[in-house]
PDB file of all heavy atoms in Angstrom:
ATOM      1  N   HIS A   1     139.631 313.404  72.216  1.00  0.00           N
ATOM      2  CA  HIS A   1     139.756 313.469  73.677  1.00  0.00           C
ATOM      3  C   HIS A   1     138.366 313.348  74.306  1.00  0.00           C
ATOM      4  O   HIS A   1     137.446 314.088  73.955  1.00  0.00           O
ATOM      5  CB  HIS A   1     140.419 314.781  74.106  1.00  0.00           C
ATOM      6  CG  HIS A   1     140.913 314.736  75.506  1.00  0.00           C
ATOM      7  ND1 HIS A   1     140.063 314.803  76.579  1.00  0.00           N
ATOM      8  CD2 HIS A   1     142.163 314.614  76.012  1.00  0.00           C
ATOM      9  CE1 HIS A   1     140.758 314.733  77.691  1.00  0.00           C
ATOM     10  NE2 HIS A   1     142.049 314.615  77.364  1.00  0.00           N
ATOM     11  N   LEU A   2     138.234 312.433  75.242  1.00  0.00           N
ATOM     12  CA  LEU A   2     136.927 312.133  75.836  1.00  0.00           C
ATOM     13  C   LEU A   2     136.336 313.282  76.639  1.00  0.00           C
ATOM     14  O   LEU A   2     135.107 313.378  76.776  1.00  0.00           O
ATOM     15  CB  LEU A   2     137.032 310.890  76.721  1.00  0.00           C
ATOM     16  CG  LEU A   2     137.391 309.593  75.995  1.00  0.00           C
ATOM     17  CD1 LEU A   2     137.554 308.463  77.002  1.00  0.00           C
ATOM     18  CD2 LEU A   2     136.346 309.248  74.963  1.00  0.00           C
ATOM     19  N   LEU A   3     137.161 314.165  77.190  1.00  0.00           N
ATOM     20  CA  LEU A   3     136.648 315.244  78.034  1.00  0.00           C
ATOM     21  C   LEU A   3     136.365 316.540  77.265  1.00  0.00           C
ATOM     22  O   LEU A   3     135.826 317.479  77.833  1.00  0.00           O
ATOM     23  CB  LEU A   3     137.633 315.533  79.175  1.00  0.00           C
ATOM     24  CG  LEU A   3     137.840 314.382  80.163  1.00  0.00           C
ATOM     25  CD1 LEU A   3     138.896 314.764  81.201  1.00  0.00           C
ATOM     26  CD2 LEU A   3     136.537 313.984  80.830  1.00  0.00           C
ATOM     27  N   VAL A   4     136.708 316.583  75.991  1.00  0.00           N
ATOM     28  CA  VAL A   4     136.413 317.758  75.166  1.00  0.00           C
ATOM     29  C   VAL A   4     134.959 317.676  74.715  1.00  0.00           C
ATOM     30  O   VAL A   4     134.514 316.653  74.195  1.00  0.00           O
ATOM     31  CB  VAL A   4     137.358 317.839  73.943  1.00  0.00           C
ATOM     32  CG1 VAL A   4     136.912 318.928  72.980  1.00  0.00           C
ATOM     33  CG2 VAL A   4     138.789 318.078  74.396  1.00  0.00           C
ATOM     34  N   LEU A   5     134.225 318.741  74.947  1.00  0.00           N
ATOM     35  CA  LEU A   5     132.808 318.772  74.574  1.00  0.00           C
ATOM     36  C   LEU A   5     132.647 318.865  73.065  1.00  0.00           C
ATOM     37  O   LEU A   5     133.431 319.518  72.376  1.00  0.00           O
ATOM     38  CB  LEU A   5     132.116 319.959  75.244  1.00  0.00           C
ATOM     39  CG  LEU A   5     132.127 319.963  76.776  1.00  0.00           C
ATOM     40  CD1 LEU A   5     131.484 321.243  77.298  1.00  0.00           C
ATOM     41  CD2 LEU A   5     131.442 318.728  77.326  1.00  0.00           C
ATOM     42  N   LYS A   6     131.632 318.197  72.559  1.00  0.00           N
ATOM     43  CA  LYS A   6     131.344 318.209  71.115  1.00  0.00           C
ATOM     44  C   LYS A   6     130.633 319.493  70.691  1.00  0.00           C
ATOM     45  O   LYS A   6     130.717 319.904  69.540  1.00  0.00           O
ATOM     46  CB  LYS A   6     130.488 317.000  70.721  1.00  0.00           C
ATOM     47  CG  LYS A   6     131.108 315.667  71.096  1.00  0.00           C
ATOM     48  CD  LYS A   6     132.417 315.438  70.374  1.00  0.00           C
ATOM     49  CE  LYS A   6     133.000 314.083  70.760  1.00  0.00           C
ATOM     50  NZ  LYS A   6     134.433 314.013  70.584  1.00  0.00           N
ATOM     51  N   ASN A   7     129.896 320.093  71.630  1.00  0.00           N
ATOM     52  CA  ASN A   7     129.143 321.300  71.314  1.00  0.00           C
ATOM     53  C   ASN A   7     129.329 322.299  72.449  1.00  0.00           C
ATOM     54  O   ASN A   7     129.044 321.958  73.600  1.00  0.00           O
ATOM     55  CB  ASN A   7     127.665 320.951  71.136  1.00  0.00           C
ATOM     56  CG  ASN A   7     126.878 322.084  70.542  1.00  0.00           C
ATOM     57  OD1 ASN A   7     127.432 323.035  70.012  1.00  0.00           O
ATOM     58  ND2 ASN A   7     125.567 321.991  70.646  1.00  0.00           N
ATOM     59  N   PRO A   8     129.821 323.509  72.207  1.00  0.00           N
ATOM     60  CA  PRO A   8     130.230 324.035  70.903  1.00  0.00           C
ATOM     61  C   PRO A   8     131.495 323.340  70.406  1.00  0.00           C
ATOM     62  O   PRO A   8     132.274 322.799  71.197  1.00  0.00           O
ATOM     63  CB  PRO A   8     130.485 325.516  71.168  1.00  0.00           C
ATOM     64  CG  PRO A   8     130.702 325.639  72.628  1.00  0.00           C
ATOM     65  CD  PRO A   8     130.017 324.472  73.286  1.00  0.00           C
ATOM     66  N   GLY A   9     131.677 323.372  69.115  1.00  0.00           N
ATOM     67  CA  GLY A   9     132.772 322.655  68.495  1.00  0.00           C
ATOM     68  C   GLY A   9     134.132 323.278  68.731  1.00  0.00           C
ATOM     69  O   GLY A   9     134.257 324.435  69.123  1.00  0.00           O
ATOM     70  N   ALA A  10     135.154 322.470  68.482  1.00  0.00           N
ATOM     71  CA  ALA A  10     136.540 322.925  68.605  1.00  0.00           C
ATOM     72  C   ALA A  10     136.888 323.833  67.428  1.00  0.00           C
ATOM     73  O   ALA A  10     136.184 323.863  66.413  1.00  0.00           O
ATOM     74  CB  ALA A  10     137.466 321.715  68.638  1.00  0.00           C
ATOM     75  N   TYR A  11     137.993 324.564  67.566  1.00  0.00           N
ATOM     76  CA  TYR A  11     138.394 325.545  66.557  1.00  0.00           C
ATOM     77  C   TYR A  11     139.911 325.606  66.470  1.00  0.00           C
ATOM     78  O   TYR A  11     140.595 325.619  67.490  1.00  0.00           O
ATOM     79  CB  TYR A  11     137.846 326.922  66.930  1.00  0.00           C
ATOM     80  CG  TYR A  11     138.330 328.032  66.046  1.00  0.00           C
ATOM     81  CD1 TYR A  11     137.753 328.257  64.805  1.00  0.00           C
ATOM     82  CD2 TYR A  11     139.386 328.854  66.436  1.00  0.00           C
ATOM     83  CE1 TYR A  11     138.206 329.267  63.981  1.00  0.00           C
ATOM     84  CE2 TYR A  11     139.846 329.868  65.618  1.00  0.00           C
ATOM     85  CZ  TYR A  11     139.247 330.071  64.394  1.00  0.00           C
ATOM     86  OH  TYR A  11     139.705 331.071  63.579  1.00  0.00           O
ATOM     87  N   VAL A  12     140.430 325.638  65.253  1.00  0.00           N
ATOM     88  CA  VAL A  12     141.843 325.908  65.007  1.00  0.00           C
ATOM     89  C   VAL A  12     141.900 326.980  63.924  1.00  0.00           C
ATOM     90  O   VAL A  12     141.271 326.841  62.871  1.00  0.00           O
ATOM     91  CB  VAL A  12     142.606 324.655  64.526  1.00  0.00           C
ATOM     92  CG1 VAL A  12     144.057 324.995  64.210  1.00  0.00           C
ATOM     93  CG2 VAL A  12     142.542 323.547  65.566  1.00  0.00           C
ATOM     94  N   GLY A  13     142.632 328.055  64.180  1.00  0.00           N
ATOM     95  CA  GLY A  13     142.755 329.137  63.200  1.00  0.00           C
ATOM     96  C   GLY A  13     144.094 329.836  63.356  1.00  0.00           C
ATOM     97  O   GLY A  13     144.776 329.683  64.363  1.00  0.00           O
ATOM     98  N   VAL A  14     144.456 330.594  62.342  1.00  0.00           N
ATOM     99  CA  VAL A  14     145.710 331.338  62.381  1.00  0.00           C
ATOM    100  C   VAL A  14     145.534 332.526  63.315  1.00  0.00           C
ATOM    101  O   VAL A  14     144.615 333.334  63.142  1.00  0.00           O
ATOM    102  CB  VAL A  14     146.128 331.806  60.967  1.00  0.00           C
ATOM    103  CG1 VAL A  14     147.361 332.685  61.037  1.00  0.00           C
ATOM    104  CG2 VAL A  14     146.383 330.598  60.072  1.00  0.00           C
ATOM    105  N   ASN A  15     146.404 332.624  64.306  1.00  0.00           N
ATOM    106  CA  ASN A  15     146.346 333.694  65.288  1.00  0.00           C
ATOM    107  C   ASN A  15     147.307 334.826  64.942  1.00  0.00           C
ATOM    108  O   ASN A  15     147.014 335.994  65.177  1.00  0.00           O
ATOM    109  CB  ASN A  15     146.660 333.128  66.672  1.00  0.00           C
ATOM    110  CG  ASN A  15     146.381 334.101  67.782  1.00  0.00           C
ATOM    111  OD1 ASN A  15     145.333 334.738  67.808  1.00  0.00           O
ATOM    112  ND2 ASN A  15     147.314 334.225  68.702  1.00  0.00           N
ATOM    113  N   ALA A  16     148.478 334.480  64.386  1.00  0.00           N
ATOM    114  CA  ALA A  16     149.479 335.491  64.035  1.00  0.00           C
ATOM    115  C   ALA A  16     150.515 334.879  63.105  1.00  0.00           C
ATOM    116  O   ALA A  16     150.672 333.655  63.045  1.00  0.00           O
ATOM    117  CB  ALA A  16     150.165 336.013  65.290  1.00  0.00           C
ATOM    118  N   HIS A  17     151.202 335.758  62.398  1.00  0.00           N
ATOM    119  CA  HIS A  17     152.330 335.359  61.566  1.00  0.00           C
ATOM    120  C   HIS A  17     153.589 335.845  62.266  1.00  0.00           C
ATOM    121  O   HIS A  17     153.837 337.035  62.355  1.00  0.00           O
ATOM    122  CB  HIS A  17     152.233 335.973  60.162  1.00  0.00           C
ATOM    123  CG  HIS A  17     151.063 335.474  59.387  1.00  0.00           C
ATOM    124  ND1 HIS A  17     151.102 334.327  58.647  1.00  0.00           N
ATOM    125  CD2 HIS A  17     149.798 335.954  59.273  1.00  0.00           C
ATOM    126  CE1 HIS A  17     149.925 334.121  58.090  1.00  0.00           C
ATOM    127  NE2 HIS A  17     149.107 335.092  58.459  1.00  0.00           N
ATOM    128  N   GLY A  18     154.380 334.899  62.787  1.00  0.00           N
ATOM    129  CA  GLY A  18     155.613 335.245  63.490  1.00  0.00           C
ATOM    130  C   GLY A  18     156.762 335.398  62.513  1.00  0.00           C
ATOM    131  O   GLY A  18     156.612 335.179  61.301  1.00  0.00           O
ATOM    132  N   GLY A  19     157.936 335.745  63.029  1.00  0.00           N
ATOM    133  CA  GLY A  19     159.116 335.917  62.199  1.00  0.00           C
ATOM    134  C   GLY A  19     159.512 334.635  61.480  1.00  0.00           C
ATOM    135  O   GLY A  19     159.978 334.670  60.343  1.00  0.00           O
ATOM    136  N   SER A  20     159.317 333.491  62.129  1.00  0.00           N
ATOM    137  CA  SER A  20     159.654 332.211  61.507  1.00  0.00           C
ATOM    138  C   SER A  20     158.593 331.164  61.825  1.00  0.00           C
ATOM    139  O   SER A  20     158.875 329.976  61.903  1.00  0.00           O
ATOM    140  CB  SER A  20     161.026 331.732  61.997  1.00  0.00           C
ATOM    141  OG  SER A  20     160.998 331.535  63.400  1.00  0.00           O
ATOM    142  N   SER A  21     157.367 331.628  62.008  1.00  0.00           N
ATOM    143  CA  SER A  21     156.303 330.688  62.362  1.00  0.00           C
ATOM    144  C   SER A  21     154.932 331.240  61.984  1.00  0.00           C
ATOM    145  O   SER A  21     154.773 332.428  61.722  1.00  0.00           O
ATOM    146  CB  SER A  21     156.324 330.417  63.865  1.00  0.00           C
ATOM    147  OG  SER A  21     155.964 331.588  64.576  1.00  0.00           O
ATOM    148  N   VAL A  22     153.968 330.346  61.973  1.00  0.00           N
ATOM    149  CA  VAL A  22     152.560 330.711  61.899  1.00  0.00           C
ATOM    150  C   VAL A  22     151.970 330.255  63.224  1.00  0.00           C
ATOM    151  O   VAL A  22     151.992 329.063  63.545  1.00  0.00           O
ATOM    152  CB  VAL A  22     151.853 330.030  60.711  1.00  0.00           C
ATOM    153  CG1 VAL A  22     150.372 330.327  60.725  1.00  0.00           C
ATOM    154  CG2 VAL A  22     152.477 330.457  59.393  1.00  0.00           C
ATOM    155  N   ASP A  23     151.483 331.189  64.025  1.00  0.00           N
ATOM    156  CA  ASP A  23     150.959 330.875  65.357  1.00  0.00           C
ATOM    157  C   ASP A  23     149.480 330.529  65.245  1.00  0.00           C
ATOM    158  O   ASP A  23     148.705 331.278  64.641  1.00  0.00           O
ATOM    159  CB  ASP A  23     151.139 332.068  66.293  1.00  0.00           C
ATOM    160  CG  ASP A  23     152.601 332.481  66.425  1.00  0.00           C
ATOM    161  OD1 ASP A  23     153.488 331.665  66.110  1.00  0.00           O
ATOM    162  OD2 ASP A  23     152.839 333.631  66.835  1.00  0.00           O
ATOM    163  N   LEU A  24     149.113 329.403  65.817  1.00  0.00           N
ATOM    164  CA  LEU A  24     147.741 328.927  65.721  1.00  0.00           C
ATOM    165  C   LEU A  24     146.995 329.144  67.029  1.00  0.00           C
ATOM    166  O   LEU A  24     147.571 329.017  68.114  1.00  0.00           O
ATOM    167  CB  LEU A  24     147.727 327.434  65.382  1.00  0.00           C
ATOM    168  CG  LEU A  24     148.416 327.041  64.089  1.00  0.00           C
ATOM    169  CD1 LEU A  24     148.410 325.524  63.931  1.00  0.00           C
ATOM    170  CD2 LEU A  24     147.753 327.707  62.893  1.00  0.00           C
ATOM    171  N   ALA A  25     145.714 329.442  66.915  1.00  0.00           N
ATOM    172  CA  ALA A  25     144.813 329.465  68.066  1.00  0.00           C
ATOM    173  C   ALA A  25     144.089 328.122  68.054  1.00  0.00           C
ATOM    174  O   ALA A  25     143.453 327.762  67.065  1.00  0.00           O
ATOM    175  CB  ALA A  25     143.816 330.614  67.951  1.00  0.00           C
ATOM    176  N   VAL A  26     144.234 327.364  69.125  1.00  0.00           N
ATOM    177  CA  VAL A  26     143.612 326.049  69.248  1.00  0.00           C
ATOM    178  C   VAL A  26     142.653 326.134  70.425  1.00  0.00           C
ATOM    179  O   VAL A  26     143.084 326.313  71.569  1.00  0.00           O
ATOM    180  CB  VAL A  26     144.683 324.954  69.477  1.00  0.00           C
ATOM    181  CG1 VAL A  26     144.036 323.583  69.588  1.00  0.00           C
ATOM    182  CG2 VAL A  26     145.709 324.976  68.347  1.00  0.00           C
ATOM    183  N   ARG A  27     141.363 326.027  70.153  1.00  0.00           N
ATOM    184  CA  ARG A  27     140.358 326.241  71.203  1.00  0.00           C
ATOM    185  C   ARG A  27     139.326 325.122  71.200  1.00  0.00           C
ATOM    186  O   ARG A  27     138.888 324.658  70.153  1.00  0.00           O
ATOM    187  CB  ARG A  27     139.611 327.569  70.984  1.00  0.00           C
ATOM    188  CG  ARG A  27     140.516 328.789  70.913  1.00  0.00           C
ATOM    189  CD  ARG A  27     141.063 329.140  72.289  1.00  0.00           C
ATOM    190  NE  ARG A  27     141.843 330.361  72.231  1.00  0.00           N
ATOM    191  CZ  ARG A  27     143.162 330.401  72.171  1.00  0.00           C
ATOM    192  NH1 ARG A  27     143.857 329.291  72.139  1.00  0.00           N
ATOM    193  NH2 ARG A  27     143.807 331.549  72.135  1.00  0.00           N
ATOM    194  N   CYS A  28     138.944 324.720  72.399  1.00  0.00           N
ATOM    195  CA  CYS A  28     137.862 323.763  72.559  1.00  0.00           C
ATOM    196  C   CYS A  28     137.190 324.030  73.903  1.00  0.00           C
ATOM    197  O   CYS A  28     137.666 324.857  74.682  1.00  0.00           O
ATOM    198  CB  CYS A  28     138.375 322.322  72.487  1.00  0.00           C
ATOM    199  SG  CYS A  28     139.525 321.879  73.800  1.00  0.00           S
ATOM    200  N   TYR A  29     136.115 323.340  74.151  1.00  0.00           N
ATOM    201  CA  TYR A  29     135.372 323.514  75.392  1.00  0.00           C
ATOM    202  C   TYR A  29     135.369 322.211  76.184  1.00  0.00           C
ATOM    203  O   TYR A  29     135.361 321.118  75.611  1.00  0.00           O
ATOM    204  CB  TYR A  29     133.920 323.932  75.105  1.00  0.00           C
ATOM    205  CG  TYR A  29     133.825 325.320  74.545  1.00  0.00           C
ATOM    206  CD1 TYR A  29     133.947 325.555  73.179  1.00  0.00           C
ATOM    207  CD2 TYR A  29     133.617 326.410  75.385  1.00  0.00           C
ATOM    208  CE1 TYR A  29     133.870 326.837  72.667  1.00  0.00           C
ATOM    209  CE2 TYR A  29     133.541 327.693  74.878  1.00  0.00           C
ATOM    210  CZ  TYR A  29     133.667 327.899  73.521  1.00  0.00           C
ATOM    211  OH  TYR A  29     133.596 329.166  73.014  1.00  0.00           O
ATOM    212  N   CYS A  30     135.381 322.370  77.505  1.00  0.00           N
ATOM    213  CA  CYS A  30     135.267 321.233  78.404  1.00  0.00           C
ATOM    214  C   CYS A  30     134.582 321.723  79.680  1.00  0.00           C
ATOM    215  O   CYS A  30     134.379 322.926  79.858  1.00  0.00           O
ATOM    216  CB  CYS A  30     136.640 320.633  78.711  1.00  0.00           C
ATOM    217  SG  CYS A  30     137.728 321.721  79.654  1.00  0.00           S
ATOM    218  N   ARG A  31     134.252 320.787  80.547  1.00  0.00           N
ATOM    219  CA  ARG A  31     133.687 321.184  81.833  1.00  0.00           C
ATOM    220  C   ARG A  31     134.766 321.916  82.625  1.00  0.00           C
ATOM    221  O   ARG A  31     135.951 321.604  82.507  1.00  0.00           O
ATOM    222  CB  ARG A  31     133.223 319.964  82.625  1.00  0.00           C
ATOM    223  CG  ARG A  31     132.054 319.252  82.016  1.00  0.00           C
ATOM    224  CD  ARG A  31     131.615 318.030  82.815  1.00  0.00           C
ATOM    225  NE  ARG A  31     132.667 317.463  83.638  1.00  0.00           N
ATOM    226  CZ  ARG A  31     132.513 317.084  84.909  1.00  0.00           C
ATOM    227  NH1 ARG A  31     131.354 317.189  85.502  1.00  0.00           N
ATOM    228  NH2 ARG A  31     133.526 316.566  85.591  1.00  0.00           N
ATOM    229  N   MET A  32     134.371 322.880  83.429  1.00  0.00           N
ATOM    230  CA  MET A  32     135.331 323.677  84.186  1.00  0.00           C
ATOM    231  C   MET A  32     136.207 322.795  85.085  1.00  0.00           C
ATOM    232  O   MET A  32     137.408 323.020  85.203  1.00  0.00           O
ATOM    233  CB  MET A  32     134.603 324.737  85.021  1.00  0.00           C
ATOM    234  CG  MET A  32     135.544 325.739  85.642  1.00  0.00           C
ATOM    235  SD  MET A  32     134.757 327.221  86.328  1.00  0.00           S
ATOM    236  CE  MET A  32     133.477 326.565  87.349  1.00  0.00           C
ATOM    237  N   LEU A  33     135.639 321.782  85.675  1.00  0.00           N
ATOM    238  CA  LEU A  33     136.402 320.888  86.547  1.00  0.00           C
ATOM    239  C   LEU A  33     137.459 320.080  85.781  1.00  0.00           C
ATOM    240  O   LEU A  33     138.415 319.593  86.381  1.00  0.00           O
ATOM    241  CB  LEU A  33     135.462 319.933  87.290  1.00  0.00           C
ATOM    242  CG  LEU A  33     134.570 320.577  88.350  1.00  0.00           C
ATOM    243  CD1 LEU A  33     133.581 319.558  88.899  1.00  0.00           C
ATOM    244  CD2 LEU A  33     135.415 321.152  89.476  1.00  0.00           C
ATOM    245  N   ASP A  34     137.275 319.926  84.484  1.00  0.00           N
ATOM    246  CA  ASP A  34     138.206 319.147  83.660  1.00  0.00           C
ATOM    247  C   ASP A  34     139.251 320.016  82.966  1.00  0.00           C
ATOM    248  O   ASP A  34     140.106 319.501  82.253  1.00  0.00           O
ATOM    249  CB  ASP A  34     137.442 318.373  82.571  1.00  0.00           C
ATOM    250  CG  ASP A  34     136.499 317.347  83.146  1.00  0.00           C
ATOM    251  OD1 ASP A  34     136.817 316.790  84.219  1.00  0.00           O
ATOM    252  OD2 ASP A  34     135.444 317.095  82.531  1.00  0.00           O
ATOM    253  N   TYR A  35     139.208 321.336  83.176  1.00  0.00           N
ATOM    254  CA  TYR A  35     140.040 322.254  82.399  1.00  0.00           C
ATOM    255  C   TYR A  35     141.521 321.876  82.422  1.00  0.00           C
ATOM    256  O   TYR A  35     142.146 321.727  81.376  1.00  0.00           O
ATOM    257  CB  TYR A  35     139.863 323.703  82.888  1.00  0.00           C
ATOM    258  CG  TYR A  35     140.761 324.657  82.135  1.00  0.00           C
ATOM    259  CD1 TYR A  35     140.374 325.139  80.890  1.00  0.00           C
ATOM    260  CD2 TYR A  35     142.005 325.042  82.638  1.00  0.00           C
ATOM    261  CE1 TYR A  35     141.210 325.989  80.179  1.00  0.00           C
ATOM    262  CE2 TYR A  35     142.829 325.887  81.932  1.00  0.00           C
ATOM    263  CZ  TYR A  35     142.427 326.361  80.699  1.00  0.00           C
ATOM    264  OH  TYR A  35     143.258 327.189  79.992  1.00  0.00           O
ATOM    265  N   TRP A  36     142.117 321.750  83.606  1.00  0.00           N
ATOM    266  CA  TRP A  36     143.567 321.501  83.664  1.00  0.00           C
ATOM    267  C   TRP A  36     143.930 320.118  83.142  1.00  0.00           C
ATOM    268  O   TRP A  36     144.971 319.943  82.507  1.00  0.00           O
ATOM    269  CB  TRP A  36     144.102 321.733  85.074  1.00  0.00           C
ATOM    270  CG  TRP A  36     144.097 323.192  85.412  1.00  0.00           C
ATOM    271  CD1 TRP A  36     143.314 323.820  86.338  1.00  0.00           C
ATOM    272  CD2 TRP A  36     144.878 324.223  84.794  1.00  0.00           C
ATOM    273  NE1 TRP A  36     143.571 325.169  86.336  1.00  0.00           N
ATOM    274  CE2 TRP A  36     144.532 325.449  85.396  1.00  0.00           C
ATOM    275  CE3 TRP A  36     145.841 324.241  83.793  1.00  0.00           C
ATOM    276  CZ2 TRP A  36     145.108 326.658  85.043  1.00  0.00           C
ATOM    277  CZ3 TRP A  36     146.430 325.442  83.429  1.00  0.00           C
ATOM    278  CH2 TRP A  36     146.049 326.634  84.049  1.00  0.00           C
ATOM    279  N   THR A  37     143.080 319.149  83.364  1.00  0.00           N
ATOM    280  CA  THR A  37     143.316 317.810  82.818  1.00  0.00           C
ATOM    281  C   THR A  37     143.353 317.861  81.300  1.00  0.00           C
ATOM    282  O   THR A  37     144.262 317.321  80.664  1.00  0.00           O
ATOM    283  CB  THR A  37     142.216 316.841  83.293  1.00  0.00           C
ATOM    284  OG1 THR A  37     142.227 316.785  84.717  1.00  0.00           O
ATOM    285  CG2 THR A  37     142.423 315.455  82.725  1.00  0.00           C
ATOM    286  N   VAL A  38     142.376 318.537  80.714  1.00  0.00           N
ATOM    287  CA  VAL A  38     142.308 318.666  79.255  1.00  0.00           C
ATOM    288  C   VAL A  38     143.460 319.514  78.746  1.00  0.00           C
ATOM    289  O   VAL A  38     144.113 319.161  77.755  1.00  0.00           O
ATOM    290  CB  VAL A  38     140.942 319.267  78.825  1.00  0.00           C
ATOM    291  CG1 VAL A  38     140.934 319.619  77.345  1.00  0.00           C
ATOM    292  CG2 VAL A  38     139.817 318.299  79.162  1.00  0.00           C
ATOM    293  N   TYR A  39     143.754 320.607  79.408  1.00  0.00           N
ATOM    294  CA  TYR A  39     144.814 321.511  78.980  1.00  0.00           C
ATOM    295  C   TYR A  39     146.143 320.770  78.839  1.00  0.00           C
ATOM    296  O   TYR A  39     146.789 320.812  77.792  1.00  0.00           O
ATOM    297  CB  TYR A  39     144.941 322.663  79.988  1.00  0.00           C
ATOM    298  CG  TYR A  39     146.058 323.626  79.679  1.00  0.00           C
ATOM    299  CD1 TYR A  39     145.854 324.701  78.830  1.00  0.00           C
ATOM    300  CD2 TYR A  39     147.329 323.453  80.223  1.00  0.00           C
ATOM    301  CE1 TYR A  39     146.876 325.591  78.539  1.00  0.00           C
ATOM    302  CE2 TYR A  39     148.362 324.334  79.940  1.00  0.00           C
ATOM    303  CZ  TYR A  39     148.125 325.399  79.092  1.00  0.00           C
ATOM    304  OH  TYR A  39     149.146 326.267  78.797  1.00  0.00           O
TER     305      TYR A  39
END
């Protein structure tokens, strides 16, 4: 994605173990003005 900043880097990790799922935390950085577009 062109609006996601390269530094600091993006992150994907296990956030929780659900009853029938593994919930992931997906995090990246962008400019504040681009937040909703990126989201």
